[in-house]
Amino acid sequence: MIDPQTQKQPNARAGERQKAFSNASLTPDTTPSQDQIRARAYELYEGRGCESGQQEQDWLQAEREMRSAAQAGLGEEL
């Protein structure tokens, strides 16, 4: 499938994106960057078999997940 962001076939860089997301440290006092959200949204897209047409839903879900993770970290520290 073609990556809607680059209009190219996915390649080995997909693993790099996964690693970047996994290594992204969110602390309770930080908000996710657009790059972090974009990486997670792309993972969601890939998880659906690269089916297009749900970019906005993927972005919003990624944003919710990352904000929730940051808030969960805050709750653990209280």
C-alpha atoms as a PDB file:
ATOM      1  CA  MET A   1       0.000   0.000   0.000  1.00  0.00           C
ATOM      2  CA  ILE A   2       1.054   3.577  -0.571  1.00  0.00           C
ATOM      3  CA  ASP A   3       1.839   5.803   2.394  1.00  0.00           C
ATOM      4  CA  PRO A   4      -0.539   8.797   2.150  1.00  0.00           C
ATOM      5  CA  GLN A   5       2.061  11.090   3.721  1.00  0.00           C
ATOM      6  CA  THR A   6       4.857  10.375   1.251  1.00  0.00           C
ATOM      7  CA  GLN A   7       2.952   8.797  -1.642  1.00  0.00           C
ATOM      8  CA  LYS A   8       5.557   6.009  -1.578  1.00  0.00           C
ATOM      9  CA  GLN A   9       5.547   2.354  -0.720  1.00  0.00           C
ATOM     10  CA  PRO A  10       6.267   1.597   2.969  1.00  0.00           C
ATOM     11  CA  ASN A  11       9.819   0.481   3.627  1.00  0.00           C
ATOM     12  CA  ALA A  12      12.230  -0.268   6.432  1.00  0.00           C
ATOM     13  CA  ARG A  13      11.596   3.204   7.854  1.00  0.00           C
ATOM     14  CA  ALA A  14       8.327   1.905   9.325  1.00  0.00           C
ATOM     15  CA  GLY A  15      10.422   0.203  11.987  1.00  0.00           C
ATOM     16  CA  GLU A  16      12.160   3.476  12.690  1.00  0.00           C
ATOM     17  CA  ARG A  17       8.796   5.215  13.175  1.00  0.00           C
ATOM     18  CA  GLN A  18       7.734   2.448  15.563  1.00  0.00           C
ATOM     19  CA  LYS A  19      10.958   2.854  17.511  1.00  0.00           C
ATOM     20  CA  ALA A  20      10.555   6.640  17.629  1.00  0.00           C
ATOM     21  CA  PHE A  21       7.068   6.292  19.070  1.00  0.00           C
ATOM     22  CA  SER A  22       8.140   3.631  21.549  1.00  0.00           C
ATOM     23  CA  ASN A  23      11.079   5.728  22.716  1.00  0.00           C
ATOM     24  CA  ALA A  24       9.007   8.880  23.038  1.00  0.00           C
ATOM     25  CA  SER A  25       8.928   9.690  26.703  1.00  0.00           C
ATOM     26  CA  LEU A  26       5.815  11.432  27.894  1.00  0.00           C
ATOM     27  CA  THR A  27       5.920  12.854  31.346  1.00  0.00           C
ATOM     28  CA  PRO A  28       2.862  14.207  33.130  1.00  0.00           C
ATOM     29  CA  ASP A  29       3.993  17.778  32.622  1.00  0.00           C
ATOM     30  CA  THR A  30       4.453  17.414  28.863  1.00  0.00           C
ATOM     31  CA  THR A  31       2.043  17.135  25.997  1.00  0.00           C
ATOM     32  CA  PRO A  32       2.670  14.902  23.021  1.00  0.00           C
ATOM     33  CA  SER A  33       4.347  16.554  20.069  1.00  0.00           C
ATOM     34  CA  GLN A  34       2.788  16.496  16.630  1.00  0.00           C
ATOM     35  CA  ASP A  35       5.569  14.145  15.517  1.00  0.00           C
ATOM     36  CA  GLN A  36       4.684  11.702  18.298  1.00  0.00           C
ATOM     37  CA  ILE A  37       0.987  11.868  17.452  1.00  0.00           C
ATOM     38  CA  ARG A  38       1.759  11.492  13.747  1.00  0.00           C
ATOM     39  CA  ALA A  39       3.872   8.385  14.407  1.00  0.00           C
ATOM     40  CA  ARG A  40       1.108   6.775  16.477  1.00  0.00           C
ATOM     41  CA  ALA A  41      -1.576   7.721  13.937  1.00  0.00           C
ATOM     42  CA  TYR A  42       0.497   6.069  11.225  1.00  0.00           C
ATOM     43  CA  GLU A  43       0.750   2.921  13.357  1.00  0.00           C
ATOM     44  CA  LEU A  44      -3.035   2.888  13.617  1.00  0.00           C
ATOM     45  CA  TYR A  45      -3.270   3.292   9.838  1.00  0.00           C
ATOM     46  CA  GLU A  46      -0.878   0.384   9.315  1.00  0.00           C
ATOM     47  CA  GLY A  47      -2.795  -1.693  11.860  1.00  0.00           C
ATOM     48  CA  ARG A  48      -5.921  -1.312   9.723  1.00  0.00           C
ATOM     49  CA  GLY A  49      -4.058  -2.709   6.728  1.00  0.00           C
ATOM     50  CA  CYS A  50      -3.223   0.739   5.312  1.00  0.00           C
ATOM     51  CA  GLU A  51      -6.864   1.415   4.525  1.00  0.00           C
ATOM     52  CA  SER A  52      -7.228   5.091   3.670  1.00  0.00           C
ATOM     53  CA  GLY A  53     -10.051   7.462   4.518  1.00  0.00           C
ATOM     54  CA  GLN A  54      -9.759   7.554   8.310  1.00  0.00           C
ATOM     55  CA  GLN A  55      -6.846   9.915   8.807  1.00  0.00           C
ATOM     56  CA  GLU A  56      -8.733  12.264  11.103  1.00  0.00           C
ATOM     57  CA  GLN A  57     -10.017   9.431  13.282  1.00  0.00           C
ATOM     58  CA  ASP A  58      -6.493   7.974  13.511  1.00  0.00           C
ATOM     59  CA  TRP A  59      -5.076  11.356  14.526  1.00  0.00           C
ATOM     60  CA  LEU A  60      -7.731  11.924  17.187  1.00  0.00           C
ATOM     61  CA  GLN A  61      -7.340   8.409  18.581  1.00  0.00           C
ATOM     62  CA  ALA A  62      -3.561   8.781  18.721  1.00  0.00           C
ATOM     63  CA  GLU A  63      -3.926  12.117  20.484  1.00  0.00           C
ATOM     64  CA  ARG A  64      -6.378  10.645  23.023  1.00  0.00           C
ATOM     65  CA  GLU A  65      -4.115   7.668  23.715  1.00  0.00           C
ATOM     66  CA  MET A  66      -1.048   9.802  24.268  1.00  0.00           C
ATOM     67  CA  ARG A  67      -2.816  12.336  26.470  1.00  0.00           C
ATOM     68  CA  SER A  68      -4.348   9.499  28.468  1.00  0.00           C
ATOM     69  CA  ALA A  69      -0.915   7.934  28.912  1.00  0.00           C
ATOM     70  CA  ALA A  70       0.477  11.249  30.143  1.00  0.00           C
ATOM     71  CA  GLN A  71      -2.417  11.650  32.596  1.00  0.00           C
ATOM     72  CA  ALA A  72      -2.005   8.069  33.835  1.00  0.00           C
ATOM     73  CA  GLY A  73       1.624   8.886  34.591  1.00  0.00           C
ATOM     74  CA  LEU A  74       0.489  11.868  36.625  1.00  0.00           C
ATOM     75  CA  GLY A  75      -1.943   9.713  38.618  1.00  0.00           C
ATOM     76  CA  GLU A  76       0.809   7.260  39.501  1.00  0.00           C
ATOM     77  CA  GLU A  77       2.892  10.037  41.021  1.00  0.00           C
ATOM     78  CA  LEU A  78       0.121  11.370  43.265  1.00  0.00           C
END
